[in-house]
């Protein structure tokens, strides 16, 4: 078992610097926009874990300053969520909303220390195989029903445990869930899974109401899109698709005096340029989700005086993903390697991502330094080699100079993809590959790419959640070929990779875990189901009249901690800080 404590590093103008864990600077700091933090992980052994995590002891509450009550926060987001059922989909767009309607057993702070949420305390057995949670006894669903251990068991066995992408392997390790009483949950694992606590948040482990989902088709339940009932700080009011989603304060929230805001409105603004303008003009107050941030306009937004822009979040994997089973051309490794050599990653990052990121050469990015293997096979930009490999693979250029055509799919409105795919099209054209761009609205993309596997190449960002067991395993393990969004959609399958991922999460020594992840990267970069291109900054922006935001790596969670400086003052004791 292990304790993972997280700090942040970012590249600054002087180069890469490692930063010690320190309290966050004031959100009003004039230097906030220049701070670039790169998340890293510090490993601690069994004893440290036992002392710090095994008994669920939380540090001082995360709410800082002198909160006020009232106000409405208006956020901009790139698309409508596909559902409001966080049990069947864990994408960022969905979690932006559902993380404030529902709760997890715990929540994580900016340094990824666990804090109580629905669970007020927990114990972990010395062998790391049994987790016992004590729930709060005053939690009500928005319809007035009591939330109990039965809801937790039902959610893990029938919803998130089956369908959550990032937490899939963690939930697969569960042997049994017992509920000795209405506020006690005992989870026994088949094998130790070191980052198990990390998937028990509202994003990856949301607890759903058993009384509304039991005996129904969880994918067709009407509560998925209309009048969802959660236990969280905000209650659903309305959803006008293509326009906005409105949540209002849960006056009966189990955390005293929270939330501080009256309401939260999510404005659907698909065009990145329009999102940027909406923030500048005050139509929206925040863009709190890295996949919705308008990266092409970052230079302009950084100059605003009344806003806080912050790089916070787990490293990402932006790259070209191959459909290994759907196109016989791409099934040939020589072709995949040739495509890798035809891509000038540095140019894609500098021009396509406007320099907001760095080139990467492994599926585990350098932002997870304890697991990152710098000594993997690399495929430097080399057009001569790319052309030779394509010739050898049996695809000579025809008279017009074209070898074959491929479809490159990407999500409409995603600023991490819109410009880069234009560049990729031209770069691959130089070696005789005719790229047809396919711009897909989010709902269509989820179905076409992840469920039907109807694509040749897909380019876009995938979150790592800061741990390979959570963010990387779901993309390459055979057991994750499920047809669910953001699972193994390349359909890569290698028994050795499956074995190594299992070994890594069960390891009790750091050296064994690191060795497994190093070997995983070496194999994946030889087989090449994905060409890693970049890890971009995780940028978020909010007007400085809203305080208490951006305190978690999942920045769209914990909206109950945000407060408006023009609201009514509160006295200490009127609200709960943690």
Protein backbone atom coordinates (compact mmCIF):
# COMPACT_ATOMS: atom_id res chain seq x y z
CA UNK A 1 0.00 0.00 0.00
CA UNK A 2 1.12 3.49 -0.67
CA UNK A 3 0.40 7.12 0.07
CA UNK A 4 0.52 9.39 -2.92
CA UNK A 5 1.05 13.04 -2.20
CA UNK A 6 1.01 15.44 -5.05
CA UNK A 7 2.79 18.66 -5.72
CA UNK A 8 2.94 20.63 -8.94
CA UNK A 9 5.67 21.57 -11.36
CA UNK A 10 5.44 23.56 -14.55
CA UNK A 11 7.85 24.74 -17.17
CA UNK A 12 8.81 28.37 -16.72
CA UNK A 13 10.89 30.57 -18.95
CA UNK A 14 14.08 29.50 -17.28
CA UNK A 15 13.38 25.80 -17.85
CA UNK A 16 11.91 22.99 -15.84
CA UNK A 17 12.07 23.48 -12.07
CA UNK A 18 10.95 21.11 -9.35
CA UNK A 19 8.83 22.86 -6.77
CA UNK A 20 8.32 21.85 -3.17
CA UNK A 21 4.82 21.33 -1.86
CA UNK A 22 3.67 24.66 -0.51
CA UNK A 23 0.42 26.44 0.34
CA UNK A 24 -1.31 27.89 -2.68
CA UNK A 25 -0.68 31.56 -3.35
CA UNK A 26 -3.53 33.98 -3.07
CA UNK A 27 -5.85 33.81 -6.04
CA UNK A 28 -5.44 37.55 -6.41
CA UNK A 29 -1.68 37.31 -6.76
CA UNK A 30 -0.38 39.34 -9.66
CA UNK A 31 1.90 36.45 -10.51
CA UNK A 32 -0.89 33.87 -10.72
CA UNK A 33 -1.06 33.97 -14.49
CA UNK A 34 2.63 33.24 -14.80
CA UNK A 35 2.68 30.26 -12.48
CA UNK A 36 3.06 26.94 -14.29
CA UNK A 37 2.77 23.91 -12.13
CA UNK A 38 3.53 20.36 -13.18
CA UNK A 39 1.96 17.73 -11.02
CA UNK A 40 4.33 15.18 -9.62
CA UNK A 41 3.96 12.33 -7.22
CA UNK A 42 5.99 11.63 -4.11
CA UNK A 43 6.00 8.01 -3.02
CA UNK A 44 5.69 7.10 0.64
CA UNK A 45 5.73 3.57 1.99
CA UNK A 46 3.37 1.44 3.96
CA UNK A 47 3.95 3.11 7.34
CA UNK A 48 3.24 6.61 6.00
CA UNK A 49 0.04 5.40 4.37
CA UNK A 50 -1.12 3.72 7.52
CA UNK A 51 -0.56 6.84 9.59
CA UNK A 52 -1.96 9.37 7.14
CA UNK A 53 -4.71 7.58 5.24
CA UNK A 54 -5.75 4.40 6.96
CA UNK A 55 -7.87 6.15 9.55
CA UNK A 56 -9.24 8.88 7.30
CA UNK A 57 -7.86 11.77 9.31
CA UNK A 58 -8.41 15.01 7.41
CA UNK A 59 -6.31 18.12 7.72
CA UNK A 60 -7.79 21.57 8.29
CA UNK A 61 -10.82 22.28 6.13
CA UNK A 62 -10.25 23.42 2.55
CA UNK A 63 -12.54 26.48 2.66
CA UNK A 64 -10.31 29.54 3.04
CA UNK A 65 -10.98 33.16 3.83
CA UNK A 66 -14.28 34.68 4.92
CA UNK A 67 -17.03 33.24 2.72
CA UNK A 68 -20.19 35.15 1.86
CA UNK A 69 -23.60 33.87 0.87
CA UNK A 70 -25.38 34.59 -2.40
CA UNK A 71 -24.64 35.15 -6.06
CA UNK A 72 -24.71 33.17 -9.28
CA UNK A 73 -21.69 31.69 -11.01
CA UNK A 74 -22.01 31.36 -14.79
CA UNK A 75 -19.61 28.93 -16.45
CA UNK A 76 -18.86 28.38 -20.11
CA UNK A 77 -18.61 24.82 -21.41
CA UNK A 78 -17.90 23.44 -24.86
CA UNK A 79 -20.88 21.13 -25.32
CA UNK A 80 -23.98 19.68 -23.77
CA UNK A 81 -23.23 16.66 -21.61
CA UNK A 82 -24.43 13.39 -23.11
CA UNK A 83 -26.18 12.51 -19.84
CA UNK A 84 -26.54 13.62 -16.24
CA UNK A 85 -25.99 10.09 -14.99
CA UNK A 86 -22.42 10.11 -13.67
CA UNK A 87 -22.69 6.39 -13.03
CA UNK A 88 -22.59 5.49 -16.71
CA UNK A 89 -20.20 8.12 -18.08
CA UNK A 90 -17.20 9.81 -16.52
CA UNK A 91 -16.18 12.35 -19.17
CA UNK A 92 -15.18 15.83 -18.08
CA UNK A 93 -18.20 17.45 -19.76
CA UNK A 94 -20.57 15.23 -17.77
CA UNK A 95 -18.63 15.57 -14.50
CA UNK A 96 -18.62 19.38 -14.74
CA UNK A 97 -22.31 19.27 -13.89
CA UNK A 98 -22.89 16.00 -12.08
CA UNK A 99 -20.04 16.52 -9.58
CA UNK A 100 -22.17 19.22 -8.02
CA UNK A 101 -25.44 17.28 -8.07
CA UNK A 102 -23.97 14.11 -6.57
CA UNK A 103 -21.25 13.22 -4.06
CA UNK A 104 -18.49 10.66 -3.73
CA UNK A 105 -17.34 8.99 -0.55
CA UNK A 106 -14.36 11.37 -0.43
CA UNK A 107 -13.00 14.39 -2.25
CA UNK A 108 -9.42 15.32 -3.07
CA UNK A 109 -7.71 18.65 -2.53
CA UNK A 110 -5.14 20.35 -4.76
CA UNK A 111 -2.38 18.11 -3.47
CA UNK A 112 -4.64 15.06 -3.81
CA UNK A 113 -5.00 14.48 -0.10
CA UNK A 114 -8.34 12.77 0.64
CA UNK A 115 -11.03 14.56 2.67
CA UNK A 116 -14.38 13.30 3.96
CA UNK A 117 -17.43 13.75 1.76
CA UNK A 118 -20.24 11.21 2.20
CA UNK A 119 -17.81 9.16 4.28
CA UNK A 120 -16.91 10.92 7.51
CA UNK A 121 -14.08 8.44 8.23
CA UNK A 122 -12.50 5.26 6.93
CA UNK A 123 -10.11 2.47 7.90
CA UNK A 124 -7.80 0.44 5.66
CA UNK A 125 -6.61 -3.00 6.73
CA UNK A 126 -2.83 -3.51 7.04
CA UNK A 127 -2.75 -5.69 3.92
CA UNK A 128 -4.66 -3.06 1.90
CA UNK A 129 -7.48 -5.46 1.03
CA UNK A 130 -10.33 -4.15 3.19
CA UNK A 131 -11.69 -0.59 3.25
CA UNK A 132 -14.34 0.26 5.84
CA UNK A 133 -16.21 3.55 5.49
CA UNK A 134 -18.44 5.25 8.06
CA UNK A 135 -21.02 7.41 6.30
CA UNK A 136 -22.51 10.61 7.65
CA UNK A 137 -25.90 9.91 9.17
CA UNK A 138 -27.59 13.14 8.11
CA UNK A 139 -27.47 12.86 4.31
CA UNK A 140 -30.70 13.20 2.33
CA UNK A 141 -31.36 12.80 -1.35
CA UNK A 142 -32.87 15.85 -3.00
CA UNK A 143 -36.28 14.15 -2.84
CA UNK A 144 -36.03 13.77 0.95
CA UNK A 145 -35.12 10.07 1.10
CA UNK A 146 -32.19 9.10 3.32
CA UNK A 147 -28.89 8.13 1.67
CA UNK A 148 -27.58 4.87 3.18
CA UNK A 149 -24.93 2.22 2.67
CA UNK A 150 -27.38 0.42 0.36
CA UNK A 151 -27.02 3.29 -2.13
CA UNK A 152 -23.23 2.96 -2.04
CA UNK A 153 -23.35 -0.80 -2.61
CA UNK A 154 -25.89 -0.41 -5.42
CA UNK A 155 -23.83 2.31 -7.15
CA UNK A 156 -20.60 0.33 -7.05
CA UNK A 157 -22.23 -2.91 -8.17
CA UNK A 158 -24.59 -1.57 -10.83
CA UNK A 159 -23.38 1.83 -12.06
CA UNK A 160 -19.88 3.26 -11.59
CA UNK A 161 -18.47 -0.19 -10.87
CA UNK A 162 -19.59 -1.37 -14.29
CA UNK A 163 -19.38 1.68 -16.50
CA UNK A 164 -16.88 4.22 -15.16
CA UNK A 165 -13.95 4.43 -17.57
CA UNK A 166 -11.16 5.77 -15.38
CA UNK A 167 -12.12 3.74 -12.32
CA UNK A 168 -12.88 0.56 -14.21
CA UNK A 169 -9.83 -1.41 -13.11
CA UNK A 170 -10.22 -0.28 -9.50
CA UNK A 171 -13.82 -1.47 -9.36
CA UNK A 172 -12.88 -4.68 -11.15
CA UNK A 173 -10.65 -5.47 -8.17
CA UNK A 174 -13.60 -5.50 -5.74
CA UNK A 175 -14.34 -8.92 -4.28
CA UNK A 176 -17.33 -8.08 -2.10
CA UNK A 177 -19.26 -5.13 -0.64
CA UNK A 178 -20.93 -5.55 2.74
CA UNK A 179 -23.28 -3.17 4.52
CA UNK A 180 -23.32 -4.14 8.24
CA UNK A 181 -25.44 -1.10 8.99
CA UNK A 182 -27.08 1.86 7.25
CA UNK A 183 -23.96 4.00 7.67
CA UNK A 184 -21.22 1.37 7.30
CA UNK A 185 -19.72 0.11 4.04
CA UNK A 186 -17.06 -2.60 3.99
CA UNK A 187 -15.28 -3.14 0.66
CA UNK A 188 -13.04 -6.19 0.24
CA UNK A 189 -10.63 -6.32 -2.69
CA UNK A 190 -9.38 -9.37 -4.60
CA UNK A 191 -5.95 -7.78 -4.74
CA UNK A 192 -4.36 -4.62 -3.42
CA UNK A 193 -5.05 -1.58 -5.59
CA UNK A 194 -2.83 1.30 -4.45
CA UNK A 195 -4.83 4.28 -5.78
CA UNK A 196 -8.24 2.89 -4.75
CA UNK A 197 -9.23 5.96 -2.70
CA UNK A 198 -8.61 8.21 -5.69
CA UNK A 199 -11.53 6.78 -7.68
CA UNK A 200 -14.05 7.33 -4.88
CA UNK A 201 -14.66 10.99 -5.72
CA UNK A 202 -17.81 12.50 -7.25
CA UNK A 203 -16.21 12.24 -10.69
CA UNK A 204 -15.25 8.57 -10.70
CA UNK A 205 -17.28 7.18 -7.81
CA UNK A 206 -20.52 9.14 -7.63
CA UNK A 207 -23.19 7.61 -5.41
CA UNK A 208 -26.58 7.28 -7.11
CA UNK A 209 -30.06 6.79 -5.57
CA UNK A 210 -30.93 3.10 -5.44
CA UNK A 211 -34.63 3.84 -4.96
CA UNK A 212 -34.78 5.55 -8.37
CA UNK A 213 -32.52 3.23 -10.40
CA UNK A 214 -33.03 -0.26 -9.03
CA UNK A 215 -34.96 -2.45 -11.47
CA UNK A 216 -34.63 0.04 -14.34
CA UNK A 217 -32.53 0.23 -17.49
CA UNK A 218 -29.84 2.56 -16.15
CA UNK A 219 -29.13 3.86 -19.66
CA UNK A 220 -32.76 4.77 -20.34
CA UNK A 221 -33.88 5.93 -16.90
CA UNK A 222 -35.64 9.29 -17.38
CA UNK A 223 -33.71 10.75 -14.42
CA UNK A 224 -30.58 10.66 -16.59
CA UNK A 225 -31.66 13.80 -18.40
CA UNK A 226 -34.59 15.28 -16.51
CA UNK A 227 -34.89 16.03 -12.80
CA UNK A 228 -31.88 14.01 -11.60
CA UNK A 229 -31.93 13.45 -7.85
CA UNK A 230 -28.61 13.67 -6.07
CA UNK A 231 -27.29 14.40 -2.60
CA UNK A 232 -24.93 17.18 -3.62
CA UNK A 233 -24.73 20.90 -2.84
CA UNK A 234 -26.86 21.92 -5.81
CA UNK A 235 -30.21 20.70 -7.11
CA UNK A 236 -31.22 20.43 -10.74
CA UNK A 237 -33.54 23.17 -11.98
CA UNK A 238 -33.53 23.08 -15.79
CA UNK A 239 -31.66 22.01 -18.90
CA UNK A 240 -32.28 23.75 -22.21
CA UNK A 241 -30.12 21.79 -24.61
CA UNK A 242 -27.78 23.93 -26.67
CA UNK A 243 -28.32 26.83 -24.27
CA UNK A 244 -27.76 26.21 -20.56
CA UNK A 245 -28.13 24.04 -17.47
CA UNK A 246 -29.17 25.65 -14.17
CA UNK A 247 -28.52 24.26 -10.69
CA UNK A 248 -29.81 25.91 -7.50
CA UNK A 249 -28.71 25.72 -3.87
CA UNK A 250 -29.62 22.61 -1.90
CA UNK A 251 -30.91 24.23 1.29
CA UNK A 252 -30.74 20.88 3.08
CA UNK A 253 -27.15 20.04 2.19
CA UNK A 254 -25.41 17.97 4.84
CA UNK A 255 -22.47 20.38 5.08
CA UNK A 256 -23.65 23.19 7.32
CA UNK A 257 -24.02 26.59 5.64
CA UNK A 258 -23.06 25.32 2.21
CA UNK A 259 -23.15 25.91 -0.64
CA UNK A 260 -22.43 29.62 -0.50
CA UNK A 261 -23.74 30.44 -4.00
CA UNK A 262 -27.45 30.69 -4.82
CA UNK A 263 -27.04 29.00 -8.17
CA UNK A 264 -24.66 27.78 -10.86
CA UNK A 265 -25.44 28.17 -14.57
CA UNK A 266 -23.57 26.26 -17.28
CA UNK A 267 -23.70 28.09 -20.62
CA UNK A 268 -23.24 25.87 -23.68
CA UNK A 269 -20.86 27.72 -26.04
CA UNK A 270 -19.38 25.34 -28.64
CA UNK A 271 -17.15 27.90 -30.38
CA UNK A 272 -13.88 28.55 -28.49
CA UNK A 273 -13.58 32.12 -29.76
CA UNK A 274 -17.12 32.87 -28.63
CA UNK A 275 -16.35 31.38 -25.20
CA UNK A 276 -13.34 33.67 -24.87
CA UNK A 277 -15.37 36.74 -25.82
CA UNK A 278 -18.17 35.75 -23.45
CA UNK A 279 -15.65 35.70 -20.59
CA UNK A 280 -14.16 39.03 -21.58
CA UNK A 281 -17.56 40.71 -21.76
CA UNK A 282 -18.83 39.21 -18.52
CA UNK A 283 -21.52 36.97 -20.04
CA UNK A 284 -19.81 34.14 -18.20
CA UNK A 285 -17.70 34.30 -15.03
CA UNK A 286 -15.54 31.23 -15.45
CA UNK A 287 -14.25 28.44 -17.65
CA UNK A 288 -13.46 25.75 -15.11
CA UNK A 289 -12.51 22.68 -17.10
CA UNK A 290 -9.38 22.27 -19.17
CA UNK A 291 -11.20 20.73 -22.15
CA UNK A 292 -13.43 23.80 -22.40
CA UNK A 293 -10.65 26.37 -22.09
CA UNK A 294 -10.13 28.37 -25.34
CA UNK A 295 -6.40 27.73 -25.67
CA UNK A 296 -6.06 29.60 -28.95
CA UNK A 297 -6.95 32.81 -27.09
CA UNK A 298 -4.82 32.28 -23.99
CA UNK A 299 -2.46 35.19 -24.69
CA UNK A 300 -5.36 37.63 -24.71
CA UNK A 301 -7.06 36.16 -21.65
CA UNK A 302 -3.86 36.26 -19.61
CA UNK A 303 -3.82 40.04 -19.93
CA UNK A 304 -7.18 40.53 -18.20
CA UNK A 305 -6.83 42.32 -14.88
CA UNK A 306 -10.00 41.11 -13.19
CA UNK A 307 -9.44 37.38 -13.65
CA UNK A 308 -7.43 34.52 -12.19
CA UNK A 309 -5.97 32.03 -14.65
CA UNK A 310 -4.48 28.91 -13.17
CA UNK A 311 -2.82 25.77 -14.46
CA UNK A 312 -4.13 22.97 -12.29
CA UNK A 313 -5.00 19.40 -13.11
CA UNK A 314 -3.48 16.06 -13.93
CA UNK A 315 -1.22 15.60 -16.97
CA UNK A 316 -2.92 14.75 -20.23
CA UNK A 317 -2.20 12.55 -23.21
CA UNK A 318 -2.93 14.29 -26.51
CA UNK A 319 -2.17 12.12 -29.47
CA UNK A 320 -3.12 10.18 -32.59
CA UNK A 321 -5.01 6.99 -31.78
CA UNK A 322 -5.32 4.15 -34.30
CA UNK A 323 -8.27 1.87 -34.94
CA UNK A 324 -6.27 -1.35 -34.93
CA UNK A 325 -9.16 -3.63 -35.82
CA UNK A 326 -11.13 -1.48 -38.23
CA UNK A 327 -8.60 -0.71 -40.97
CA UNK A 328 -6.17 -3.30 -42.42
CA UNK A 329 -3.74 -0.56 -43.41
CA UNK A 330 -3.39 0.63 -39.82
CA UNK A 331 -3.13 -2.94 -38.56
CA UNK A 332 0.39 -2.91 -40.04
CA UNK A 333 2.87 -1.66 -37.47
CA UNK A 334 5.17 -0.37 -40.22
CA UNK A 335 2.44 2.04 -41.31
CA UNK A 336 1.89 3.30 -37.76
CA UNK A 337 5.62 3.86 -37.32
CA UNK A 338 5.78 5.68 -40.65
CA UNK A 339 2.96 8.00 -39.58
CA UNK A 340 4.82 8.68 -36.34
CA UNK A 341 7.94 9.70 -38.27
CA UNK A 342 5.83 11.97 -40.53
CA UNK A 343 4.57 14.06 -37.59
CA UNK A 344 6.55 17.11 -36.49
CA UNK A 345 5.33 17.17 -32.88
CA UNK A 346 7.18 20.36 -32.00
CA UNK A 347 5.41 22.24 -34.79
CA UNK A 348 2.03 20.82 -33.72
CA UNK A 349 2.57 22.04 -30.15
CA UNK A 350 3.97 25.44 -31.10
CA UNK A 351 1.43 26.28 -33.81
CA UNK A 352 -1.49 23.97 -33.19
CA UNK A 353 -1.60 24.32 -29.40
CA UNK A 354 -0.08 27.82 -29.39
CA UNK A 355 2.80 26.55 -27.25
CA UNK A 356 0.49 25.74 -24.34
CA UNK A 357 2.07 22.40 -23.60
CA UNK A 358 5.13 20.28 -24.31
CA UNK A 359 6.04 17.45 -26.66
CA UNK A 360 5.81 13.96 -25.16
CA UNK A 361 7.08 10.59 -26.40
CA UNK A 362 5.35 8.13 -24.09
CA UNK A 363 1.78 7.23 -23.19
CA UNK A 364 2.64 8.07 -19.57
CA UNK A 365 3.65 11.74 -19.76
CA UNK A 366 6.64 13.29 -17.93
CA UNK A 367 4.15 15.06 -15.66
CA UNK A 368 3.95 11.75 -13.77
CA UNK A 369 7.71 11.60 -13.19
CA UNK A 370 7.82 8.64 -10.82
CA UNK A 371 6.26 6.43 -13.53
CA UNK A 372 7.59 8.12 -16.69
CA UNK A 373 10.11 6.14 -18.75
CA UNK A 374 12.31 8.49 -20.78
CA UNK A 375 14.08 5.57 -22.45
CA UNK A 376 11.32 4.36 -24.75
CA UNK A 377 11.46 3.88 -28.53
CA UNK A 378 11.12 7.29 -30.18
CA UNK A 379 10.08 8.26 -33.67
CA UNK A 380 11.68 11.60 -34.56
CA UNK A 381 10.34 13.68 -37.43
CA UNK A 382 11.93 12.13 -40.54
CA UNK A 383 10.07 12.34 -43.86
CA UNK A 384 12.66 10.25 -45.69
CA UNK A 385 12.26 7.39 -43.23
CA UNK A 386 8.47 7.72 -43.25
CA UNK A 387 8.36 7.45 -47.04
CA UNK A 388 10.72 4.47 -47.07
CA UNK A 389 8.63 2.61 -44.47
CA UNK A 390 5.44 3.19 -46.44
CA UNK A 391 7.10 1.93 -49.60
CA UNK A 392 8.29 -1.19 -47.76
CA UNK A 393 4.81 -1.74 -46.34
CA UNK A 394 3.49 -2.04 -49.91
CA UNK A 395 1.89 1.35 -50.37
CA UNK A 396 3.79 3.18 -53.15
CA UNK A 397 2.73 6.63 -54.27
CA UNK A 398 0.39 6.75 -57.25
CA UNK A 399 0.58 9.32 -60.04
CA UNK A 400 -1.13 12.10 -58.01
CA UNK A 401 1.35 11.39 -55.20
CA UNK A 402 -1.13 9.65 -52.91
CA UNK A 403 -0.65 6.28 -51.26
CA UNK A 404 -3.99 5.88 -49.47
CA UNK A 405 -6.66 7.90 -47.69
CA UNK A 406 -7.49 7.95 -43.99
CA UNK A 407 -10.17 9.63 -41.94
CA UNK A 408 -8.96 11.73 -38.99
CA UNK A 409 -11.78 12.30 -36.50
CA UNK A 410 -11.89 14.87 -33.71
CA UNK A 411 -14.34 16.63 -31.41
CA UNK A 412 -15.94 19.81 -32.71
CA UNK A 413 -15.18 22.85 -30.57
CA UNK A 414 -12.31 21.21 -28.69
CA UNK A 415 -9.45 23.68 -28.84
CA UNK A 416 -6.96 20.89 -28.20
CA UNK A 417 -7.88 19.42 -31.59
CA UNK A 418 -9.30 22.02 -33.98
CA UNK A 419 -5.98 23.55 -35.10
CA UNK A 420 -3.67 20.55 -34.58
CA UNK A 421 -5.66 18.35 -36.97
CA UNK A 422 -5.25 20.93 -39.74
CA UNK A 423 -1.50 20.71 -39.27
CA UNK A 424 -1.53 16.92 -39.11
CA UNK A 425 -3.43 16.77 -42.40
CA UNK A 426 -0.70 18.78 -44.14
CA UNK A 427 2.14 16.85 -42.51
CA UNK A 428 0.75 13.48 -43.56
CA UNK A 429 0.03 14.77 -47.04
CA UNK A 430 3.79 15.24 -47.42
CA UNK A 431 4.25 11.45 -47.31
CA UNK A 432 1.33 10.66 -49.58
CA UNK A 433 -1.45 10.07 -47.05
CA UNK A 434 -4.69 11.80 -47.97
CA UNK A 435 -6.34 12.85 -44.71
CA UNK A 436 -10.06 13.53 -44.62
CA UNK A 437 -10.97 15.49 -41.50
CA UNK A 438 -14.14 14.41 -39.67
CA UNK A 439 -15.42 17.03 -37.23
CA UNK A 440 -17.88 15.39 -34.83
CA UNK A 441 -20.27 16.92 -32.33
CA UNK A 442 -19.69 15.43 -28.92
CA UNK A 443 -22.70 13.12 -28.75
CA UNK A 444 -21.96 11.78 -32.23
CA UNK A 445 -18.29 11.34 -31.39
CA UNK A 446 -19.02 9.30 -28.26
CA UNK A 447 -21.19 6.90 -30.23
CA UNK A 448 -19.13 6.70 -33.40
CA UNK A 449 -15.61 6.50 -31.93
CA UNK A 450 -16.06 4.77 -28.59
CA UNK A 451 -19.12 2.59 -29.11
CA UNK A 452 -19.14 1.69 -32.81
CA UNK A 453 -15.37 2.01 -33.44
CA UNK A 454 -16.18 3.74 -36.72
CA UNK A 455 -12.95 5.64 -37.35
CA UNK A 456 -9.42 5.36 -38.72
CA UNK A 457 -7.59 7.92 -36.57
CA UNK A 458 -8.81 9.95 -33.60
CA UNK A 459 -6.97 12.97 -32.24
CA UNK A 460 -7.73 14.60 -28.93
CA UNK A 461 -6.92 14.88 -25.22
CA UNK A 462 -7.32 12.10 -22.68
CA UNK A 463 -6.91 12.75 -18.96
CA UNK A 464 -4.48 10.61 -16.98
CA UNK A 465 -5.99 11.42 -13.54
CA UNK A 466 -2.35 11.60 -12.48
CA UNK A 467 -1.95 7.85 -12.06
CA UNK A 468 -1.31 5.21 -14.77
CA UNK A 469 -3.56 2.71 -13.00
CA UNK A 470 -6.49 5.09 -13.46
CA UNK A 471 -5.82 7.07 -16.63
CA UNK A 472 -3.63 4.77 -18.71
CA UNK A 473 -4.79 1.23 -17.94
CA UNK A 474 -8.33 1.95 -19.13
CA UNK A 475 -6.95 2.79 -22.59
CA UNK A 476 -4.88 -0.35 -23.21
CA UNK A 477 -6.08 -3.26 -21.06
CA UNK A 478 -8.05 -5.96 -22.87
CA UNK A 479 -10.70 -5.90 -20.14
CA UNK A 480 -11.36 -2.25 -21.03
CA UNK A 481 -12.56 -3.01 -24.56
CA UNK A 482 -16.13 -2.33 -23.49
CA UNK A 483 -17.70 0.10 -25.96
CA UNK A 484 -18.01 2.63 -23.15
CA UNK A 485 -16.75 6.21 -23.65
CA UNK A 486 -13.04 6.73 -23.01
CA UNK A 487 -12.15 3.10 -22.52
CA UNK A 488 -9.93 1.02 -24.87
CA UNK A 489 -11.23 2.30 -28.22
CA UNK A 490 -8.11 1.38 -30.25
CA UNK A 491 -8.94 -2.23 -29.26
CA UNK A 492 -5.31 -2.92 -28.52
CA UNK A 493 -4.88 -6.26 -26.75
CA UNK A 494 -1.70 -7.74 -25.32
CA UNK A 495 -1.73 -10.29 -22.45
CA UNK A 496 1.67 -9.07 -21.29
CA UNK A 497 0.37 -5.51 -20.91
CA UNK A 498 -2.65 -6.81 -18.96
CA UNK A 499 -0.34 -8.75 -16.65
CA UNK A 500 1.96 -5.78 -16.06
CA UNK A 501 -0.88 -3.40 -15.18
CA UNK A 502 -2.16 -5.94 -12.66
CA UNK A 503 1.32 -6.32 -11.19
CA UNK A 504 1.77 -2.56 -10.88
CA UNK A 505 -1.33 -1.88 -8.78
CA UNK A 506 -0.68 -4.86 -6.52
CA UNK A 507 2.97 -3.96 -5.89
CA UNK A 508 3.94 -3.13 -2.32
CA UNK A 509 7.35 -1.75 -3.27
CA UNK A 510 7.91 1.37 -5.28
CA UNK A 511 10.65 -0.24 -7.35
CA UNK A 512 8.34 -3.06 -8.47
CA UNK A 513 5.60 -0.64 -9.45
CA UNK A 514 7.96 1.62 -11.39
CA UNK A 515 9.53 -1.38 -13.15
CA UNK A 516 6.11 -2.53 -14.35
CA UNK A 517 5.14 0.90 -15.67
CA UNK A 518 8.50 1.29 -17.41
CA UNK A 519 8.03 -2.01 -19.22
CA UNK A 520 4.44 -1.11 -20.12
CA UNK A 521 5.63 2.06 -21.82
CA UNK A 522 8.40 0.27 -23.68
CA UNK A 523 5.97 -2.30 -25.10
CA UNK A 524 3.28 0.25 -25.97
CA UNK A 525 5.75 2.51 -27.74
CA UNK A 526 6.92 -0.46 -29.81
CA UNK A 527 3.40 -1.64 -30.65
CA UNK A 528 2.22 1.96 -31.10
CA UNK A 529 -1.58 1.91 -30.68
CA UNK A 530 -1.20 5.62 -29.92
CA UNK A 531 1.28 8.26 -31.07
CA UNK A 532 1.75 10.55 -28.04
CA UNK A 533 2.08 14.15 -29.23
CA UNK A 534 1.65 16.55 -26.32
CA UNK A 535 0.76 17.18 -22.71
CA UNK A 536 -0.89 20.56 -22.55
CA UNK A 537 -1.32 22.90 -19.60
CA UNK A 538 -4.55 22.40 -17.64
CA UNK A 539 -5.82 25.97 -17.78
CA UNK A 540 -8.85 27.35 -15.95
CA UNK A 541 -10.00 30.95 -15.59
CA UNK A 542 -12.43 32.71 -13.24
CA UNK A 543 -13.35 36.30 -12.41
CA UNK A 544 -11.64 37.45 -9.23
CA UNK A 545 -14.98 38.41 -7.65
CA UNK A 546 -15.45 34.67 -7.05
CA UNK A 547 -13.23 33.18 -4.37
CA UNK A 548 -12.57 29.63 -3.19
CA UNK A 549 -12.29 28.12 -6.66
CA UNK A 550 -9.57 26.00 -8.29
CA UNK A 551 -8.65 24.14 -5.12
CA UNK A 552 -8.83 20.61 -6.56
CA UNK A 553 -7.23 18.85 -9.49
CA UNK A 554 -10.79 18.22 -10.68
CA UNK A 555 -11.50 21.96 -10.73
CA UNK A 556 -15.21 21.65 -11.59
CA UNK A 557 -15.92 19.72 -8.39
CA UNK A 558 -16.66 21.33 -5.00
CA UNK A 559 -18.59 24.34 -6.26
CA UNK A 560 -20.02 24.49 -2.75
CA UNK A 561 -16.72 26.08 -1.64
CA UNK A 562 -16.91 29.00 -4.10
CA UNK A 563 -18.24 32.31 -2.82
CA UNK A 564 -19.03 35.74 -4.28
CA UNK A 565 -17.27 38.73 -2.74
CA UNK A 566 -20.48 40.81 -2.95
CA UNK A 567 -22.58 38.29 -1.06
CA UNK A 568 -23.91 38.58 2.50
CA UNK A 569 -21.22 38.05 5.15
CA UNK A 570 -21.21 34.87 7.25
CA UNK A 571 -19.94 34.34 10.77
CA UNK A 572 -17.52 31.61 11.76
CA UNK A 573 -19.65 28.70 12.93
CA UNK A 574 -22.40 29.44 10.40
CA UNK A 575 -20.78 27.08 7.92
CA UNK A 576 -18.65 23.95 7.72
CA UNK A 577 -15.13 24.43 6.38
CA UNK A 578 -14.40 20.82 5.40
